[in-house]
Amino acid sequence: MWSFDDFDAWAEAISGASLRLVCDTVETRRWTLGMVPLGDVALQVASEGGGNLCYGENTHSGPMLFIPLSHAAAHVVNTETLDDDAFFFIPHGTDFRIQVRRHAHAWCSIALPATCHVAAPAVPSSGRVACHPGSVPRLRNLVHRIADALMGQPGQSEAHHVAGRDLIDAVAACLPAPLPARAATGRPRLDRSQIIRQAMAVIEAAPTTPTARTLATHVGVTDRTLLRAFRETYGVPPKRYLMFRELHGVRRILRAGAPLDATVADVLTRHGIWEFGRFAARYRRQFGELPSETLRRARG
C-alpha cells in the first residue's frame, strides 16, 4: 500500500482509467493506494483525505466496478447517489462522473476481464446498479480480506488466481435487482451526461481556463442549464469547478519544477491569471502552502 501526502501525486498513480481529478475540502493530508493483480482481475483499493470531483473514462480492456468502502451515501455517480446495496458499473471505453463532497473516504475498483459478462447490465453506458440486499456488503468484505492477505505479495501465485475467481463469483452474486419503471412526467429531461462531456472537451482544448459563461456558450446551453448540470454532477457550480481545475493545473506545473528560469508569476500569467495575490490566497486555502513554496520545494 502506497501512502501520499499530496493529492496530485496520488491521482497520477491510479491505473485503469483516464482521469481528471480535483480535490475538494481536505480533512487529513493522507491518501493511500494499493493494487492487487488477481489473474485476469485487477483490484485497486484507495483512501482519500478529502472530497474529490472526478471525470474519467474506463481505459481497462473490460468493464470496471467502482465500490465505496466508506461513506457510500456520500458518493454521487452520474448524478445518482450510491448506497450500501449498489455499485457503479463502468463498461470499457465509457466515461463517468463521481463526486464526494468534503468527506475523507475509501473506495475500491474491480477491473474485470473483457470476457466476463456476469455482472454486465444491459446498458451501453456507465451507471448505478442496484443489487440484491446484502450482496454488496459481502463483496466489500471479500475485498478487504483479499487486500489484507495478498497486498504486497510477489508475483501471480495460484492464490492470486483463486482470489480473482472468488471476486468474480462475488460480483455475480450481486446480480442487479431490477428497479421499478418510473412513469415519465413533465418535460423531457436534458441529457446531463452529454452537457458535462462537451464541457470537459471545451476545458481540455482551451489554452487557459474558460469562464462559466464561455463554457455555456461553447456547449450551446444556457447559464442556468450548465449550472444545474454541474450541481447535479459534482455538487458545485461550474465557476467553482473551474477554479479547482485551475488550481490543480498550476500546482502540477509548480510540482514539476516549472522551467528553471520561470517564476510563479510567469506560470500564472501563462494560465491567464493576473490577480496574483488573490490566486495565492486560494492556493494556500486549498493546498496549505503558497505557490512559491511548492516551486521552491520542487527545485530542491
C-alpha atoms as a PDB file:
ATOM      1  CA  MET A   1       0.000   0.000   0.000  1.00  0.00           C
ATOM      2  CA  TRP A   2       1.466   3.347  -1.062  1.00  0.00           C
ATOM      3  CA  SER A   3       0.904   6.451   1.046  1.00  0.00           C
ATOM      4  CA  PHE A   4       0.915  10.030  -0.268  1.00  0.00           C
ATOM      5  CA  ASP A   5       0.714  13.442   1.359  1.00  0.00           C
ATOM      6  CA  ASP A   6      -0.119  15.094  -1.969  1.00  0.00           C
ATOM      7  CA  PHE A   7      -3.392  14.643  -3.852  1.00  0.00           C
ATOM      8  CA  ASP A   8      -1.934  15.080  -7.349  1.00  0.00           C
ATOM      9  CA  ALA A   9       0.850  12.537  -6.761  1.00  0.00           C
ATOM     10  CA  TRP A  10      -1.768  10.054  -5.558  1.00  0.00           C
ATOM     11  CA  ALA A  11      -4.017  10.779  -8.547  1.00  0.00           C
ATOM     12  CA  GLU A  12      -1.193  10.102 -11.004  1.00  0.00           C
ATOM     13  CA  ALA A  13      -0.690   6.625  -9.528  1.00  0.00           C
ATOM     14  CA  ILE A  14      -4.248   5.413 -10.205  1.00  0.00           C
ATOM     15  CA  SER A  15      -4.475   2.965 -13.117  1.00  0.00           C
ATOM     16  CA  GLY A  16      -7.175   1.625 -15.399  1.00  0.00           C
ATOM     17  CA  ALA A  17      -8.792   4.946 -16.243  1.00  0.00           C
ATOM     18  CA  SER A  18      -8.080   8.307 -17.821  1.00  0.00           C
ATOM     19  CA  LEU A  19      -8.965  10.743 -15.039  1.00  0.00           C
ATOM     20  CA  ARG A  20      -9.427  14.463 -14.477  1.00  0.00           C
ATOM     21  CA  LEU A  21      -9.492  14.864 -10.702  1.00  0.00           C
ATOM     22  CA  VAL A  22      -9.828  17.879  -8.444  1.00  0.00           C
ATOM     23  CA  CYS A  23      -9.676  17.802  -4.677  1.00  0.00           C
ATOM     24  CA  ASP A  24     -12.458  19.241  -2.558  1.00  0.00           C
ATOM     25  CA  THR A  25     -12.109  20.174   1.134  1.00  0.00           C
ATOM     26  CA  VAL A  26      -9.252  18.236   2.794  1.00  0.00           C
ATOM     27  CA  GLU A  27      -9.853  16.599   6.192  1.00  0.00           C
ATOM     28  CA  THR A  28      -6.491  14.877   6.544  1.00  0.00           C
ATOM     29  CA  ARG A  29      -3.429  15.137   4.300  1.00  0.00           C
ATOM     30  CA  ARG A  30      -3.102  11.415   3.607  1.00  0.00           C
ATOM     31  CA  TRP A  31      -4.055   9.452   0.509  1.00  0.00           C
ATOM     32  CA  THR A  32      -3.339   5.747   0.026  1.00  0.00           C
ATOM     33  CA  LEU A  33      -3.439   3.403  -2.952  1.00  0.00           C
ATOM     34  CA  GLY A  34      -2.864  -0.321  -3.250  1.00  0.00           C
ATOM     35  CA  MET A  35      -3.106  -2.669  -6.236  1.00  0.00           C
ATOM     36  CA  VAL A  36      -3.512  -6.443  -6.278  1.00  0.00           C
ATOM     37  CA  PRO A  37      -3.296  -8.326  -9.618  1.00  0.00           C
ATOM     38  CA  LEU A  38      -5.561 -11.380  -9.428  1.00  0.00           C
ATOM     39  CA  GLY A  39      -5.069 -13.231 -12.687  1.00  0.00           C
ATOM     40  CA  ASP A  40      -7.425 -11.579 -15.177  1.00  0.00           C
ATOM     41  CA  VAL A  41      -8.883  -9.365 -12.450  1.00  0.00           C
ATOM     42  CA  ALA A  42      -7.242  -6.173 -11.135  1.00  0.00           C
ATOM     43  CA  LEU A  43      -8.184  -4.869  -7.693  1.00  0.00           C
ATOM     44  CA  GLN A  44      -7.411  -1.310  -6.578  1.00  0.00           C
ATOM     45  CA  VAL A  45      -8.025  -0.148  -3.007  1.00  0.00           C
ATOM     46  CA  ALA A  46      -7.713   3.520  -2.087  1.00  0.00           C
ATOM     47  CA  SER A  47      -8.419   6.066   0.617  1.00  0.00           C
ATOM     48  CA  GLU A  48      -8.661   9.831   0.202  1.00  0.00           C
ATOM     49  CA  GLY A  49      -8.024  12.567   2.727  1.00  0.00           C
ATOM     50  CA  GLY A  50     -10.859  14.733   1.445  1.00  0.00           C
ATOM     51  CA  GLY A  51     -13.514  15.166  -1.196  1.00  0.00           C
ATOM     52  CA  ASN A  52     -12.970  14.544  -4.897  1.00  0.00           C
ATOM     53  CA  LEU A  53     -14.668  15.648  -8.113  1.00  0.00           C
ATOM     54  CA  CYS A  54     -13.855  13.154 -10.849  1.00  0.00           C
ATOM     55  CA  TYR A  55     -14.442  12.932 -14.587  1.00  0.00           C
ATOM     56  CA  GLY A  56     -12.928   9.919 -16.324  1.00  0.00           C
ATOM     57  CA  GLU A  57     -13.034   7.153 -18.897  1.00  0.00           C
ATOM     58  CA  ASN A  58     -12.504   3.430 -18.382  1.00  0.00           C
ATOM     59  CA  THR A  59      -9.334   2.500 -20.296  1.00  0.00           C
ATOM     60  CA  HIS A  60      -9.186  -1.067 -18.965  1.00  0.00           C
ATOM     61  CA  SER A  61      -9.893  -3.780 -21.546  1.00  0.00           C
ATOM     62  CA  GLY A  62     -13.075  -4.895 -19.793  1.00  0.00           C
ATOM     63  CA  PRO A  63     -15.780  -3.484 -17.528  1.00  0.00           C
ATOM     64  CA  MET A  64     -14.940  -1.921 -14.179  1.00  0.00           C
ATOM     65  CA  LEU A  65     -16.836  -1.699 -10.904  1.00  0.00           C
ATOM     66  CA  PHE A  66     -16.424   1.217  -8.505  1.00  0.00           C
ATOM     67  CA  ILE A  67     -17.484   0.446  -4.926  1.00  0.00           C
ATOM     68  CA  PRO A  68     -17.324   2.805  -1.926  1.00  0.00           C
ATOM     69  CA  LEU A  69     -15.671   1.253   1.116  1.00  0.00           C
ATOM     70  CA  SER A  70     -16.862   4.055   3.404  1.00  0.00           C
ATOM     71  CA  HIS A  71     -19.476   6.839   3.282  1.00  0.00           C
ATOM     72  CA  ALA A  72     -21.385   5.094   0.479  1.00  0.00           C
ATOM     73  CA  ALA A  73     -24.216   7.647   0.549  1.00  0.00           C
ATOM     74  CA  ALA A  74     -21.718  10.493   0.070  1.00  0.00           C
ATOM     75  CA  HIS A  75     -20.815   9.126  -3.377  1.00  0.00           C
ATOM     76  CA  VAL A  76     -22.790  10.581  -6.301  1.00  0.00           C
ATOM     77  CA  VAL A  77     -22.155   8.825  -9.614  1.00  0.00           C
ATOM     78  CA  ASN A  78     -23.515  10.287 -12.841  1.00  0.00           C
ATOM     79  CA  THR A  79     -25.844  12.399 -10.608  1.00  0.00           C
ATOM     80  CA  GLU A  80     -27.204   9.315  -8.748  1.00  0.00           C
ATOM     81  CA  THR A  81     -26.454   8.668  -5.072  1.00  0.00           C
ATOM     82  CA  LEU A  82     -24.987   5.300  -4.125  1.00  0.00           C
ATOM     83  CA  ASP A  83     -25.863   3.302  -1.000  1.00  0.00           C
ATOM     84  CA  ASP A  84     -24.711   0.127   0.744  1.00  0.00           C
ATOM     85  CA  ASP A  85     -26.531  -2.092  -1.772  1.00  0.00           C
ATOM     86  CA  ALA A  86     -25.354  -0.522  -5.035  1.00  0.00           C
ATOM     87  CA  PHE A  87     -22.184  -0.203  -7.068  1.00  0.00           C
ATOM     88  CA  PHE A  88     -21.098   1.866 -10.075  1.00  0.00           C
ATOM     89  CA  PHE A  89     -20.756  -0.140 -13.298  1.00  0.00           C
ATOM     90  CA  ILE A  90     -18.419   1.323 -15.971  1.00  0.00           C
ATOM     91  CA  PRO A  91     -18.163  -0.506 -19.329  1.00  0.00           C
ATOM     92  CA  HIS A  92     -14.927  -0.352 -21.304  1.00  0.00           C
ATOM     93  CA  GLY A  93     -14.439   2.943 -23.130  1.00  0.00           C
ATOM     94  CA  THR A  94     -17.316   4.783 -21.431  1.00  0.00           C
ATOM     95  CA  ASP A  95     -16.995   7.993 -19.461  1.00  0.00           C
ATOM     96  CA  PHE A  96     -18.169   8.553 -15.895  1.00  0.00           C
ATOM     97  CA  ARG A  97     -18.568  11.210 -13.203  1.00  0.00           C
ATOM     98  CA  ILE A  98     -18.055  10.764  -9.453  1.00  0.00           C
ATOM     99  CA  GLN A  99     -18.384  13.347  -6.695  1.00  0.00           C
ATOM    100  CA  VAL A 100     -17.682  13.029  -2.991  1.00  0.00           C
ATOM    101  CA  ARG A 101     -18.013  16.389  -1.277  1.00  0.00           C
ATOM    102  CA  ARG A 102     -15.797  17.208   1.717  1.00  0.00           C
ATOM    103  CA  HIS A 103     -15.585  13.689   3.197  1.00  0.00           C
ATOM    104  CA  ALA A 104     -12.386  11.717   3.663  1.00  0.00           C
ATOM    105  CA  HIS A 105     -13.406   8.353   2.233  1.00  0.00           C
ATOM    106  CA  ALA A 106     -12.271   4.985   0.875  1.00  0.00           C
ATOM    107  CA  TRP A 107     -13.149   3.037  -2.255  1.00  0.00           C
ATOM    108  CA  CYS A 108     -12.116   0.132  -4.443  1.00  0.00           C
ATOM    109  CA  SER A 109     -12.253  -0.598  -8.159  1.00  0.00           C
ATOM    110  CA  ILE A 110     -12.527  -4.070  -9.647  1.00  0.00           C
ATOM    111  CA  ALA A 111     -11.392  -4.334 -13.271  1.00  0.00           C
ATOM    112  CA  LEU A 112     -12.916  -7.440 -14.853  1.00  0.00           C
ATOM    113  CA  PRO A 113     -11.670  -9.244 -17.978  1.00  0.00           C
ATOM    114  CA  ALA A 114     -13.312  -8.380 -21.287  1.00  0.00           C
ATOM    115  CA  THR A 115     -14.663 -11.955 -21.484  1.00  0.00           C
ATOM    116  CA  CYS A 116     -16.515 -11.622 -18.162  1.00  0.00           C
ATOM    117  CA  HIS A 117     -20.188 -10.766 -18.630  1.00  0.00           C
ATOM    118  CA  VAL A 118     -21.715 -11.975 -15.370  1.00  0.00           C
ATOM    119  CA  ALA A 119     -22.315  -8.512 -13.938  1.00  0.00           C
ATOM    120  CA  ALA A 120     -22.861  -6.511 -17.090  1.00  0.00           C
ATOM    121  CA  PRO A 121     -26.207  -4.712 -17.058  1.00  0.00           C
ATOM    122  CA  ALA A 122     -27.937  -4.345 -20.403  1.00  0.00           C
ATOM    123  CA  VAL A 123     -26.855  -0.701 -20.741  1.00  0.00           C
ATOM    124  CA  PRO A 124     -24.177   0.788 -23.006  1.00  0.00           C
ATOM    125  CA  SER A 125     -23.063   3.497 -20.565  1.00  0.00           C
ATOM    126  CA  SER A 126     -21.817   3.777 -17.009  1.00  0.00           C
ATOM    127  CA  GLY A 127     -24.392   3.854 -14.241  1.00  0.00           C
ATOM    128  CA  ARG A 128     -25.531   2.954 -10.746  1.00  0.00           C
ATOM    129  CA  VAL A 129     -26.569  -0.682 -10.351  1.00  0.00           C
ATOM    130  CA  ALA A 130     -28.966  -1.703  -7.565  1.00  0.00           C
ATOM    131  CA  CYS A 131     -28.033  -5.153  -6.227  1.00  0.00           C
ATOM    132  CA  HIS A 132     -29.583  -7.852  -4.087  1.00  0.00           C
ATOM    133  CA  PRO A 133     -29.751  -6.672  -0.449  1.00  0.00           C
ATOM    134  CA  GLY A 134     -26.650  -7.682   1.472  1.00  0.00           C
ATOM    135  CA  SER A 135     -24.652  -8.762  -1.596  1.00  0.00           C
ATOM    136  CA  VAL A 136     -22.510  -5.617  -1.921  1.00  0.00           C
ATOM    137  CA  PRO A 137     -21.511  -5.613   1.796  1.00  0.00           C
ATOM    138  CA  ARG A 138     -20.376  -9.235   1.320  1.00  0.00           C
ATOM    139  CA  LEU A 139     -18.389  -8.150  -1.746  1.00  0.00           C
ATOM    140  CA  ARG A 140     -16.768  -5.342   0.270  1.00  0.00           C
ATOM    141  CA  ASN A 141     -15.838  -7.798   2.996  1.00  0.00           C
ATOM    142  CA  LEU A 142     -14.193 -10.074   0.426  1.00  0.00           C
ATOM    143  CA  VAL A 143     -12.249  -7.106  -1.000  1.00  0.00           C
ATOM    144  CA  HIS A 144     -10.885  -6.291   2.471  1.00  0.00           C
ATOM    145  CA  ARG A 145      -9.883  -9.906   3.111  1.00  0.00           C
ATOM    146  CA  ILE A 146      -8.128 -10.253  -0.272  1.00  0.00           C
ATOM    147  CA  ALA A 147      -6.297  -6.947   0.180  1.00  0.00           C
ATOM    148  CA  ASP A 148      -5.175  -7.882   3.712  1.00  0.00           C
ATOM    149  CA  ALA A 149      -3.901 -11.279   2.563  1.00  0.00           C
ATOM    150  CA  LEU A 150      -2.332 -10.523  -0.829  1.00  0.00           C
ATOM    151  CA  MET A 151      -1.404  -6.811  -0.865  1.00  0.00           C
ATOM    152  CA  GLY A 152       2.350  -6.717  -1.386  1.00  0.00           C
ATOM    153  CA  GLN A 153       2.693 -10.451  -2.030  1.00  0.00           C
ATOM    154  CA  PRO A 154       5.017 -11.001  -5.006  1.00  0.00           C
ATOM    155  CA  GLY A 155       4.024 -12.490  -8.316  1.00  0.00           C
ATOM    156  CA  GLN A 156       0.889 -14.128  -9.623  1.00  0.00           C
ATOM    157  CA  SER A 157       0.591 -17.174  -7.385  1.00  0.00           C
ATOM    158  CA  GLU A 158      -2.214 -19.700  -7.603  1.00  0.00           C
ATOM    159  CA  ALA A 159      -3.715 -17.932  -4.571  1.00  0.00           C
ATOM    160  CA  HIS A 160      -3.981 -14.742  -6.642  1.00  0.00           C
ATOM    161  CA  HIS A 161      -5.857 -16.572  -9.406  1.00  0.00           C
ATOM    162  CA  VAL A 162      -8.205 -18.277  -6.940  1.00  0.00           C
ATOM    163  CA  ALA A 163      -8.908 -14.948  -5.233  1.00  0.00           C
ATOM    164  CA  GLY A 164      -9.685 -13.421  -8.638  1.00  0.00           C
ATOM    165  CA  ARG A 165     -12.205 -16.149  -9.380  1.00  0.00           C
ATOM    166  CA  ASP A 166     -13.727 -15.698  -5.915  1.00  0.00           C
ATOM    167  CA  LEU A 167     -14.090 -11.994  -6.640  1.00  0.00           C
ATOM    168  CA  ILE A 168     -15.849 -12.672  -9.957  1.00  0.00           C
ATOM    169  CA  ASP A 169     -18.226 -15.077  -8.180  1.00  0.00           C
ATOM    170  CA  ALA A 170     -18.987 -12.428  -5.539  1.00  0.00           C
ATOM    171  CA  VAL A 171     -19.684  -9.869  -8.261  1.00  0.00           C
ATOM    172  CA  ALA A 172     -22.001 -12.364  -9.980  1.00  0.00           C
ATOM    173  CA  ALA A 173     -23.869 -12.823  -6.695  1.00  0.00           C
ATOM    174  CA  CYS A 174     -24.661  -9.095  -6.754  1.00  0.00           C
ATOM    175  CA  LEU A 175     -26.635  -9.501  -9.985  1.00  0.00           C
ATOM    176  CA  PRO A 176     -28.730  -6.374 -10.187  1.00  0.00           C
ATOM    177  CA  ALA A 177     -32.272  -6.433  -8.926  1.00  0.00           C
ATOM    178  CA  PRO A 178     -34.476  -4.688 -11.500  1.00  0.00           C
ATOM    179  CA  LEU A 179     -35.724  -1.275 -10.489  1.00  0.00           C
ATOM    180  CA  PRO A 180     -39.432  -0.478 -10.955  1.00  0.00           C
ATOM    181  CA  ALA A 181     -40.120   1.570 -14.062  1.00  0.00           C
ATOM    182  CA  ARG A 182     -40.893   5.210 -13.438  1.00  0.00           C
ATOM    183  CA  ALA A 183     -43.621   6.931 -15.380  1.00  0.00           C
ATOM    184  CA  ALA A 184     -42.352   9.900 -17.379  1.00  0.00           C
ATOM    185  CA  THR A 185     -43.863  13.188 -16.270  1.00  0.00           C
ATOM    186  CA  GLY A 186     -43.401  16.757 -17.387  1.00  0.00           C
ATOM    187  CA  ARG A 187     -40.931  17.955 -19.987  1.00  0.00           C
ATOM    188  CA  PRO A 188     -38.162  15.590 -21.199  1.00  0.00           C
ATOM    189  CA  ARG A 189     -35.036  15.868 -19.058  1.00  0.00           C
ATOM    190  CA  LEU A 190     -31.977  17.267 -20.808  1.00  0.00           C
ATOM    191  CA  ASP A 191     -29.051  14.855 -21.173  1.00  0.00           C
ATOM    192  CA  ARG A 192     -26.765  15.987 -18.342  1.00  0.00           C
ATOM    193  CA  SER A 193     -24.046  13.490 -19.263  1.00  0.00           C
ATOM    194  CA  GLN A 194     -23.733  14.977 -22.759  1.00  0.00           C
ATOM    195  CA  ILE A 195     -23.539  18.510 -21.330  1.00  0.00           C
ATOM    196  CA  ILE A 196     -20.724  17.508 -18.966  1.00  0.00           C
ATOM    197  CA  ARG A 197     -18.939  15.539 -21.692  1.00  0.00           C
ATOM    198  CA  GLN A 198     -18.950  18.538 -24.036  1.00  0.00           C
ATOM    199  CA  ALA A 199     -17.958  20.906 -21.222  1.00  0.00           C
ATOM    200  CA  MET A 200     -14.937  18.736 -20.397  1.00  0.00           C
ATOM    201  CA  ALA A 201     -13.874  18.728 -24.039  1.00  0.00           C
ATOM    202  CA  VAL A 202     -14.025  22.542 -24.102  1.00  0.00           C
ATOM    203  CA  ILE A 203     -11.991  22.786 -20.881  1.00  0.00           C
ATOM    204  CA  GLU A 204      -9.345  20.364 -22.185  1.00  0.00           C
ATOM    205  CA  ALA A 205      -8.993  22.224 -25.500  1.00  0.00           C
ATOM    206  CA  ALA A 206      -8.838  25.753 -24.048  1.00  0.00           C
ATOM    207  CA  PRO A 207      -5.338  27.302 -23.707  1.00  0.00           C
ATOM    208  CA  THR A 208      -6.429  28.941 -20.423  1.00  0.00           C
ATOM    209  CA  THR A 209      -9.270  28.176 -18.023  1.00  0.00           C
ATOM    210  CA  PRO A 210     -12.517  29.393 -19.635  1.00  0.00           C
ATOM    211  CA  THR A 211     -15.213  31.268 -17.751  1.00  0.00           C
ATOM    212  CA  ALA A 212     -18.521  29.608 -16.930  1.00  0.00           C
ATOM    213  CA  ARG A 213     -20.259  31.892 -19.428  1.00  0.00           C
ATOM    214  CA  THR A 214     -17.803  30.928 -22.169  1.00  0.00           C
ATOM    215  CA  LEU A 215     -18.305  27.273 -21.298  1.00  0.00           C
ATOM    216  CA  ALA A 216     -22.094  27.562 -21.591  1.00  0.00           C
ATOM    217  CA  THR A 217     -21.766  29.344 -24.946  1.00  0.00           C
ATOM    218  CA  HIS A 218     -19.468  26.689 -26.421  1.00  0.00           C
ATOM    219  CA  VAL A 219     -21.618  23.828 -25.147  1.00  0.00           C
ATOM    220  CA  GLY A 220     -24.732  25.538 -26.502  1.00  0.00           C
ATOM    221  CA  VAL A 221     -26.771  25.707 -23.306  1.00  0.00           C
ATOM    222  CA  THR A 222     -27.973  28.479 -21.028  1.00  0.00           C
ATOM    223  CA  ASP A 223     -26.033  29.511 -17.936  1.00  0.00           C
ATOM    224  CA  ARG A 224     -28.817  28.057 -15.793  1.00  0.00           C
ATOM    225  CA  THR A 225     -28.734  24.688 -17.565  1.00  0.00           C
ATOM    226  CA  LEU A 226     -24.955  24.483 -17.196  1.00  0.00           C
ATOM    227  CA  LEU A 227     -25.248  25.416 -13.518  1.00  0.00           C
ATOM    228  CA  ARG A 228     -27.831  22.683 -12.940  1.00  0.00           C
ATOM    229  CA  ALA A 229     -25.733  20.072 -14.771  1.00  0.00           C
ATOM    230  CA  PHE A 230     -22.618  20.828 -12.701  1.00  0.00           C
ATOM    231  CA  ARG A 231     -24.510  20.965  -9.402  1.00  0.00           C
ATOM    232  CA  GLU A 232     -26.144  17.595 -10.084  1.00  0.00           C
ATOM    233  CA  THR A 233     -22.909  16.006 -11.301  1.00  0.00           C
ATOM    234  CA  TYR A 234     -20.286  17.473  -8.957  1.00  0.00           C
ATOM    235  CA  GLY A 235     -22.236  19.281  -6.251  1.00  0.00           C
ATOM    236  CA  VAL A 236     -20.591  22.597  -7.149  1.00  0.00           C
ATOM    237  CA  PRO A 237     -21.372  25.337  -9.694  1.00  0.00           C
ATOM    238  CA  PRO A 238     -19.225  25.455 -12.854  1.00  0.00           C
ATOM    239  CA  LYS A 239     -17.336  28.536 -11.648  1.00  0.00           C
ATOM    240  CA  ARG A 240     -16.089  26.699  -8.561  1.00  0.00           C
ATOM    241  CA  TYR A 241     -15.231  23.559 -10.538  1.00  0.00           C
ATOM    242  CA  LEU A 242     -13.213  25.654 -12.996  1.00  0.00           C
ATOM    243  CA  MET A 243     -11.392  27.275 -10.063  1.00  0.00           C
ATOM    244  CA  PHE A 244     -10.455  23.817  -8.748  1.00  0.00           C
ATOM    245  CA  ARG A 245      -9.186  22.774 -12.191  1.00  0.00           C
ATOM    246  CA  GLU A 246      -7.120  25.957 -12.479  1.00  0.00           C
ATOM    247  CA  LEU A 247      -5.562  25.476  -9.037  1.00  0.00           C
ATOM    248  CA  HIS A 248      -4.599  21.878  -9.778  1.00  0.00           C
ATOM    249  CA  GLY A 249      -3.250  22.741 -13.233  1.00  0.00           C
ATOM    250  CA  VAL A 250      -0.904  25.364 -11.782  1.00  0.00           C
ATOM    251  CA  ARG A 251       0.135  23.046  -8.961  1.00  0.00           C
ATOM    252  CA  ARG A 252       1.126  20.278 -11.373  1.00  0.00           C
ATOM    253  CA  ILE A 253       3.442  22.673 -13.220  1.00  0.00           C
ATOM    254  CA  LEU A 254       4.953  24.009  -9.984  1.00  0.00           C
ATOM    255  CA  ARG A 255       5.460  20.480  -8.599  1.00  0.00           C
ATOM    256  CA  ALA A 256       7.321  19.569 -11.781  1.00  0.00           C
ATOM    257  CA  GLY A 257       9.745  22.443 -11.051  1.00  0.00           C
ATOM    258  CA  ALA A 258       8.499  24.620 -13.931  1.00  0.00           C
ATOM    259  CA  PRO A 259      11.117  25.892 -16.430  1.00  0.00           C
ATOM    260  CA  LEU A 260      14.248  26.805 -14.465  1.00  0.00           C
ATOM    261  CA  ASP A 261      14.083  30.486 -15.387  1.00  0.00           C
ATOM    262  CA  ALA A 262      10.342  30.784 -14.717  1.00  0.00           C
ATOM    263  CA  THR A 263       8.862  32.487 -11.678  1.00  0.00           C
ATOM    264  CA  VAL A 264       5.487  31.806 -10.122  1.00  0.00           C
ATOM    265  CA  ALA A 265       4.222  34.971 -11.803  1.00  0.00           C
ATOM    266  CA  ASP A 266       5.394  33.615 -15.182  1.00  0.00           C
ATOM    267  CA  VAL A 267       3.421  30.392 -14.630  1.00  0.00           C
ATOM    268  CA  LEU A 268       0.314  32.294 -13.543  1.00  0.00           C
ATOM    269  CA  THR A 269       0.342  34.717 -16.455  1.00  0.00           C
ATOM    270  CA  ARG A 270       0.615  31.809 -18.909  1.00  0.00           C
ATOM    271  CA  HIS A 271      -2.576  30.486 -17.325  1.00  0.00           C
ATOM    272  CA  GLY A 272      -4.317  33.824 -17.838  1.00  0.00           C
ATOM    273  CA  ILE A 273      -4.105  34.724 -14.116  1.00  0.00           C
ATOM    274  CA  TRP A 274      -3.263  38.319 -13.248  1.00  0.00           C
ATOM    275  CA  GLU A 275      -4.616  38.668  -9.694  1.00  0.00           C
ATOM    276  CA  PHE A 276      -1.558  37.048  -8.132  1.00  0.00           C
ATOM    277  CA  GLY A 277      -2.418  37.819  -4.505  1.00  0.00           C
ATOM    278  CA  ARG A 278      -5.982  36.528  -4.743  1.00  0.00           C
ATOM    279  CA  PHE A 279      -4.853  33.371  -6.518  1.00  0.00           C
ATOM    280  CA  ALA A 280      -2.104  32.761  -3.919  1.00  0.00           C
ATOM    281  CA  ALA A 281      -4.682  33.038  -1.122  1.00  0.00           C
ATOM    282  CA  ARG A 282      -6.963  30.491  -2.832  1.00  0.00           C
ATOM    283  CA  TYR A 283      -3.988  28.221  -3.458  1.00  0.00           C
ATOM    284  CA  ARG A 284      -2.959  28.299   0.202  1.00  0.00           C
ATOM    285  CA  ARG A 285      -6.513  27.542   1.360  1.00  0.00           C
ATOM    286  CA  GLN A 286      -6.617  24.556  -0.998  1.00  0.00           C
ATOM    287  CA  PHE A 287      -3.125  23.102  -0.525  1.00  0.00           C
ATOM    288  CA  GLY A 288      -1.857  24.549   2.758  1.00  0.00           C
ATOM    289  CA  GLU A 289       1.088  26.381   1.214  1.00  0.00           C
ATOM    290  CA  LEU A 290       1.851  29.261  -1.136  1.00  0.00           C
ATOM    291  CA  PRO A 291       2.650  28.658  -4.831  1.00  0.00           C
ATOM    292  CA  SER A 292       6.209  29.898  -4.229  1.00  0.00           C
ATOM    293  CA  GLU A 293       6.691  27.266  -1.527  1.00  0.00           C
ATOM    294  CA  THR A 294       5.554  24.488  -3.872  1.00  0.00           C
ATOM    295  CA  LEU A 295       8.015  25.649  -6.548  1.00  0.00           C
ATOM    296  CA  ARG A 296      10.891  26.071  -4.097  1.00  0.00           C
ATOM    297  CA  ARG A 297      10.416  22.566  -2.707  1.00  0.00           C
ATOM    298  CA  ALA A 298      10.181  21.067  -6.217  1.00  0.00           C
ATOM    299  CA  ARG A 299      13.509  22.640  -7.179  1.00  0.00           C
ATOM    300  CA  GLY A 300      15.165  21.391  -4.010  1.00  0.00           C
END
